[in-house]
Each structure stands twice: as C-alpha cells, then as structure tokens.
Protein backbone atom coordinates (compact mmCIF):
# COMPACT_ATOMS: atom_id res chain seq x y z
CA MET A 1 14.42 0.86 14.62
CA SER A 2 12.73 -1.04 17.46
CA GLY A 3 10.38 1.20 19.42
CA ASN A 4 11.08 4.31 17.31
CA LEU A 5 7.38 4.80 16.55
CA SER A 6 6.06 4.60 20.11
CA GLY A 7 3.08 6.87 20.64
CA LYS A 8 2.38 7.10 16.90
CA VAL A 9 -0.66 5.87 15.00
CA ALA A 10 -0.52 4.19 11.60
CA LEU A 11 -3.31 3.31 9.20
CA VAL A 12 -2.81 0.52 6.64
CA THR A 13 -5.32 -0.29 3.90
CA GLY A 14 -5.40 -3.73 2.35
CA ALA A 15 -4.01 -5.11 5.61
CA GLY A 16 -6.25 -8.15 5.98
CA GLY A 17 -4.80 -10.57 3.48
CA ALA A 18 -2.69 -13.43 4.84
CA GLY A 19 0.85 -13.17 3.54
CA GLY A 20 0.23 -9.75 1.98
CA ILE A 21 2.23 -6.54 1.99
CA GLY A 22 -0.43 -4.72 4.02
CA ARG A 23 -0.42 -7.24 6.86
CA ALA A 24 3.38 -7.31 6.90
CA THR A 25 3.45 -3.51 7.15
CA ALA A 26 0.81 -3.41 9.89
CA LEU A 27 2.78 -5.94 11.95
CA LEU A 28 6.05 -4.07 11.46
CA PHE A 29 4.44 -0.79 12.52
CA ALA A 30 3.25 -2.58 15.66
CA ARG A 31 6.70 -4.03 16.34
CA GLN A 32 8.11 -0.51 16.13
CA GLY A 33 5.66 0.68 18.76
CA ALA A 34 2.88 2.26 16.68
CA GLN A 35 -0.82 1.63 17.20
CA VAL A 36 -2.40 0.43 13.98
CA ALA A 37 -5.74 0.92 12.23
CA VAL A 38 -6.14 -2.19 10.07
CA VAL A 39 -8.31 -1.58 7.00
CA ASP A 40 -9.66 -4.07 4.48
CA VAL A 41 -12.84 -5.39 2.88
CA VAL A 42 -12.03 -8.93 4.04
CA ASP A 43 -12.51 -10.44 7.49
CA GLY A 44 -8.79 -11.21 7.63
CA GLY A 45 -8.38 -7.78 9.19
CA GLN A 46 -9.48 -9.26 12.51
CA GLU A 47 -6.67 -11.81 12.27
CA THR A 48 -4.18 -9.00 11.58
CA VAL A 49 -5.36 -7.26 14.76
CA ARG A 50 -5.01 -10.51 16.69
CA LEU A 51 -1.44 -10.85 15.47
CA ILE A 52 -0.72 -7.24 16.45
CA GLU A 53 -2.08 -7.90 19.93
CA SER A 54 0.03 -11.06 20.21
CA LEU A 55 3.05 -8.77 19.78
CA GLY A 56 1.84 -6.63 22.66
CA GLY A 57 0.54 -3.91 20.34
CA LYS A 58 -2.82 -2.25 19.82
CA GLY A 59 -4.88 -2.55 16.67
CA LEU A 60 -8.35 -1.77 15.39
CA PHE A 61 -10.02 -3.41 12.40
CA ILE A 62 -12.05 -0.98 10.28
CA PRO A 63 -13.90 -2.75 7.42
CA THR A 64 -13.78 -0.35 4.48
CA ASP A 65 -14.34 -0.33 0.73
CA VAL A 66 -11.76 2.24 -0.37
CA THR A 67 -13.72 3.01 -3.54
CA GLN A 68 -16.53 4.55 -1.49
CA ALA A 69 -15.96 8.12 -0.27
CA ASP A 70 -18.31 7.87 2.71
CA GLN A 71 -16.62 4.71 3.94
CA VAL A 72 -13.12 6.17 3.56
CA GLU A 73 -14.15 9.33 5.40
CA ALA A 74 -15.58 7.15 8.18
CA MET A 75 -12.37 5.06 8.21
CA VAL A 76 -10.29 8.11 9.07
CA ALA A 77 -12.86 9.40 11.55
CA LYS A 78 -12.93 6.05 13.39
CA THR A 79 -9.13 6.01 13.52
CA LEU A 80 -9.10 9.48 15.03
CA LYS A 81 -11.88 8.67 17.51
CA HIS A 82 -10.22 5.45 18.68
CA PHE A 83 -6.57 6.47 18.75
CA GLY A 84 -6.78 10.26 18.97
CA ARG A 85 -4.40 10.98 16.08
CA LEU A 86 -3.06 9.80 12.72
CA ASP A 87 0.65 10.00 11.97
CA TYR A 88 1.27 7.52 9.16
CA ALA A 89 -0.72 5.94 6.37
CA HIS A 90 0.18 3.11 4.04
CA ASN A 91 -2.40 3.24 1.27
CA ASN A 92 -1.91 -0.27 -0.02
CA ALA A 93 -5.28 -1.72 -1.06
CA GLY A 94 -5.19 -2.94 -4.65
CA ILE A 95 -6.28 -5.56 -7.17
CA GLU A 96 -4.62 -7.03 -10.24
CA GLY A 97 -7.66 -6.97 -12.51
CA ILE A 98 -8.19 -9.31 -15.45
CA MET A 99 -5.34 -9.87 -17.86
CA GLY A 100 -5.65 -9.21 -21.57
CA PRO A 101 -4.57 -6.65 -24.17
CA ILE A 102 -6.28 -3.27 -24.40
CA ALA A 103 -8.74 -4.30 -27.13
CA ASP A 104 -9.91 -7.19 -24.93
CA CYS A 105 -10.01 -5.23 -21.67
CA THR A 106 -13.63 -4.67 -20.68
CA VAL A 107 -14.82 -1.28 -19.55
CA GLU A 108 -15.96 -2.90 -16.32
CA ASN A 109 -12.50 -4.34 -15.63
CA PHE A 110 -10.81 -1.03 -16.43
CA ASP A 111 -13.17 0.97 -14.22
CA ARG A 112 -13.00 -1.50 -11.32
CA THR A 113 -9.20 -1.67 -11.37
CA LEU A 114 -8.81 2.10 -11.39
CA ALA A 115 -11.51 2.48 -8.74
CA VAL A 116 -9.64 0.33 -6.24
CA ASN A 117 -6.04 1.11 -7.16
CA LEU A 118 -6.24 4.83 -7.94
CA ARG A 119 -9.53 6.26 -6.69
CA GLY A 120 -8.98 4.38 -3.44
CA ILE A 121 -5.64 6.09 -2.89
CA PHE A 122 -7.05 9.48 -3.88
CA LEU A 123 -9.89 9.11 -1.39
CA SER A 124 -7.57 7.84 1.33
CA MET A 125 -5.24 10.82 1.00
CA LYS A 126 -8.18 13.24 0.68
CA TYR A 127 -9.34 12.33 4.18
CA GLU A 128 -6.01 11.43 5.80
CA ILE A 129 -4.17 14.64 4.97
CA PRO A 130 -6.42 17.13 6.82
CA VAL A 131 -6.24 15.03 9.99
CA MET A 132 -2.47 14.82 9.72
CA ILE A 133 -2.19 18.58 9.23
CA GLN A 134 -4.31 19.13 12.33
CA GLY A 135 -1.96 16.84 14.24
CA GLY A 136 1.16 18.72 13.17
CA GLY A 137 2.25 16.59 10.20
CA GLY A 138 2.56 13.03 9.00
CA ALA A 139 3.87 10.67 6.36
CA ILE A 140 2.04 8.73 3.65
CA VAL A 141 3.32 5.86 1.55
CA ASN A 142 1.25 4.69 -1.42
CA THR A 143 1.70 1.26 -2.94
CA ALA A 144 2.35 1.61 -6.66
CA SER A 145 4.30 -1.04 -8.60
CA ILE A 146 7.05 -1.39 -11.14
CA ALA A 147 3.97 -1.35 -13.41
CA GLY A 148 3.78 2.31 -12.43
CA LEU A 149 7.24 2.85 -13.94
CA ILE A 150 7.16 0.69 -17.07
CA GLY A 151 4.58 -1.09 -19.21
CA PHE A 152 3.41 -4.71 -18.89
CA PRO A 153 1.59 -6.10 -21.93
CA GLY A 154 -1.65 -7.74 -20.85
CA LEU A 155 -2.23 -5.51 -17.82
CA PRO A 156 -3.44 -2.19 -19.29
CA ALA A 157 -5.79 -1.23 -16.45
CA TYR A 158 -3.30 -2.19 -13.76
CA VAL A 159 -0.47 -0.30 -15.47
CA ALA A 160 -2.65 2.78 -15.93
CA SER A 161 -3.74 2.70 -12.29
CA LYS A 162 -0.20 2.35 -10.94
CA HIS A 163 1.19 5.12 -13.16
CA GLY A 164 -1.65 7.21 -11.77
CA VAL A 165 -0.63 6.38 -8.21
CA ASN A 166 2.89 7.66 -8.84
CA GLY A 167 1.55 10.84 -10.43
CA LEU A 168 -0.87 11.45 -7.58
CA THR A 169 1.95 10.84 -5.09
CA LYS A 170 4.11 13.53 -6.71
CA ASN A 171 1.25 16.01 -6.70
CA ALA A 172 0.33 15.43 -3.06
CA ALA A 173 3.98 15.72 -2.03
CA LEU A 174 4.27 19.12 -3.69
CA GLU A 175 0.94 20.42 -2.43
CA TYR A 176 1.58 19.63 1.23
CA ALA A 177 5.38 19.81 1.58
CA THR A 178 5.21 23.05 3.59
CA GLN A 179 2.50 21.67 5.90
CA GLY A 180 4.53 18.84 7.36
CA ILE A 181 3.18 16.06 5.14
CA ARG A 182 5.56 13.78 3.26
CA VAL A 183 4.19 11.53 0.51
CA ASN A 184 6.13 8.78 -1.25
CA SER A 185 5.38 5.57 -3.10
CA VAL A 186 6.87 2.11 -3.21
CA CYS A 187 7.06 0.20 -6.49
CA PRO A 188 7.41 -3.51 -5.75
CA GLY A 189 8.41 -6.08 -8.30
CA ALA A 190 6.94 -9.57 -8.06
CA ILE A 191 6.31 -10.27 -4.37
CA LYS A 192 5.22 -13.61 -2.92
CA THR A 193 1.58 -12.72 -2.30
CA ARG A 194 -1.90 -13.85 -3.30
CA MET A 195 -1.91 -11.24 -6.08
CA ILE A 196 1.13 -12.69 -7.81
CA ASP A 197 -0.41 -16.16 -7.49
CA GLU A 198 -3.54 -14.88 -9.22
CA ILE A 199 -1.54 -13.29 -12.03
CA GLY A 200 0.34 -16.56 -12.47
CA LYS A 201 -2.93 -18.47 -12.77
CA GLN A 202 -4.21 -16.02 -15.39
CA MET A 203 -0.99 -16.62 -17.31
CA GLY A 204 -1.58 -20.37 -17.09
CA VAL A 205 1.39 -20.86 -14.76
CA PRO A 206 0.09 -22.21 -11.44
CA ASP A 207 3.54 -22.07 -9.83
CA ALA A 208 4.25 -18.36 -9.34
CA ALA A 209 7.83 -18.99 -8.25
CA GLN A 210 8.49 -20.82 -11.51
CA ALA A 211 7.09 -17.88 -13.48
CA PHE A 212 8.60 -14.96 -11.63
CA ASP A 213 11.74 -15.92 -9.72
CA GLY A 214 13.89 -15.89 -12.82
CA VAL A 215 12.79 -12.50 -14.14
CA HIS A 216 14.57 -10.64 -11.34
CA PRO A 217 18.33 -10.18 -11.63
CA ILE A 218 18.58 -10.98 -7.93
CA GLY A 219 17.23 -14.45 -8.76
CA ARG A 220 14.06 -14.58 -6.68
CA MET A 221 10.78 -12.86 -5.91
CA GLY A 222 10.56 -10.44 -3.02
CA ARG A 223 8.94 -11.03 0.37
CA PRO A 224 6.15 -8.86 1.81
CA GLU A 225 8.33 -8.13 4.81
CA GLU A 226 10.96 -6.54 2.57
CA ILE A 227 8.42 -4.05 1.24
CA ALA A 228 7.16 -3.41 4.77
CA GLU A 229 10.67 -2.43 5.87
CA LEU A 230 10.81 0.19 3.11
CA VAL A 231 7.36 1.55 3.93
CA VAL A 232 8.07 1.94 7.64
CA PHE A 233 11.45 3.54 6.90
CA LEU A 234 9.79 6.10 4.61
CA CYS A 235 7.32 6.96 7.37
CA SER A 236 10.01 7.30 10.02
CA ASP A 237 12.02 10.39 10.93
CA ALA A 238 15.03 8.71 9.29
CA ALA A 239 13.39 9.65 5.97
CA SER A 240 12.57 13.23 6.99
CA PHE A 241 14.06 14.75 3.79
CA ILE A 242 12.33 12.33 1.42
CA THR A 243 9.08 13.29 -0.28
CA GLY A 244 7.63 12.92 -3.77
CA ALA A 245 9.86 9.92 -4.47
CA HIS A 246 9.13 6.52 -5.98
CA TYR A 247 11.18 3.59 -4.70
CA ALA A 248 11.51 0.46 -6.83
CA ALA A 249 11.96 -2.63 -4.69
CA ASP A 250 12.24 -5.10 -7.52
CA GLY A 251 15.41 -7.15 -7.28
CA GLY A 252 16.92 -5.10 -10.10
CA TYR A 253 14.11 -5.68 -12.63
CA THR A 254 13.78 -2.07 -13.79
CA ALA A 255 17.58 -1.65 -13.96
CA GLN A 256 17.71 -3.98 -16.97
C-alpha cells in the first residue's frame, strides 16, 4: 500500500504513547503518504511527530483532552487550518480504568472510563464528520476492544464503554453512509502496550506476556503494528464497501 494515501490527512487520537496502537497507526499513515495530526494529552505526541518527520512525513501535535468538547472542536479546527482537509480519523484514545467487580466499581471510575473511552469518541466524531462531509467524504475507525464484544469480569466500566463504542460506530455508519463517510471499529485482543501492562499489574501479574500470551489460540499477544495495519486498511479505498463493521483482531480469542 506504500504511497496510496499521498495527499490525504489523517487524525489519530491517543497517538503519543510509546509503543501504543495510536503511535503505530500515526507512523503507518505517514509511511503511506498521509499527513498526520497527532493528538494526545501526553507530551509523547511531540516524539510521534519527530518520528513521522524522520520518515520524511509531515505531522502536527495537537494536545487535547478528548473528554472536553471545546478542546475536541479546536483539535479538528487546528487540523483543518494546518493541513487544509481531514480525510481519515482513528479515534483511539482510551484508558483501562480500575479493576474490580461492579459492586466495588466507584462512580468516579465508571464516569472517568466512559468519559475518555466513549464520550471522547462521540465528541471526536461529532466534530470530524462535518469537516469530512465538506471535503467530499472520509473514513473513521474507532478503537473498541474484544471487551466491546464479550464480557470481562472485573472490568465493568471498560466493558460498558467499549460496547458503547461499537454501538456508536454502527449508528454513525448508518447516519452518514449516503454522505461519503464510512465508520468502522477495531476490536483488539491483548496487545503489547502500556495498557495491557497496567491491567497485568492490577491483576498482580507484573509480566504481561506471562498473563496474556497463553489466552490467545494463536499463542501470543498482538503487536500495535498489527492493529495499525487493520486501521489503515479500513481507511483506504481498498475498504470502500466496508462500513458499520467491527473487526476482532484477537488471535482467535473470541472464536473460542
């Protein structure tokens, strides 16, 4: 697919974390020729831009808290002002929350997890879609999870938020299908990222590989780059007939 996205502009939220899905996607967009708006609340976004530029690409770091409507609106406006258009969005920012059964889940943890994982995607699409329509169309990929397809005891807020992401994805796909906007979601299994390390620590298993490699029929956790490949494919013209779909990239976990 090298160079297939030349002249296009992509926006990726949660793209600042080292070794994360967002950074991997931002870099792959750049390798394919797209200019990239890198969005995160952490300063690592500047490093993602530096890596994009080292590939010969163009990037812009836009610090944004995706739970705040004014900041998300400004995020899209800055992308449009700097690059002149918006073709693709990977709404990826998310948190794992604090583990524990429903009766032990605090209201604060529930609200915070849904604010980042679900409200953040709602707000992102709310402001991305009009700009894409003005530009003649676009493609959006939201990061859900296999926790958006099945339940995981001990992660009630996370599971609720990711089921919500898949529902919101379906709705957006139906609402804007005739206006040139495609909307899909990816549902990763355990991926070698900071988030899975944090979940492992909460489980009392400091070695995430030890905890999660064996749960996948394929025999290992996934890599961020493998999810990035799926995201960029879903944004590309090769996926022009795909919208409203949820893709599990989970090494066979949900096939069990």
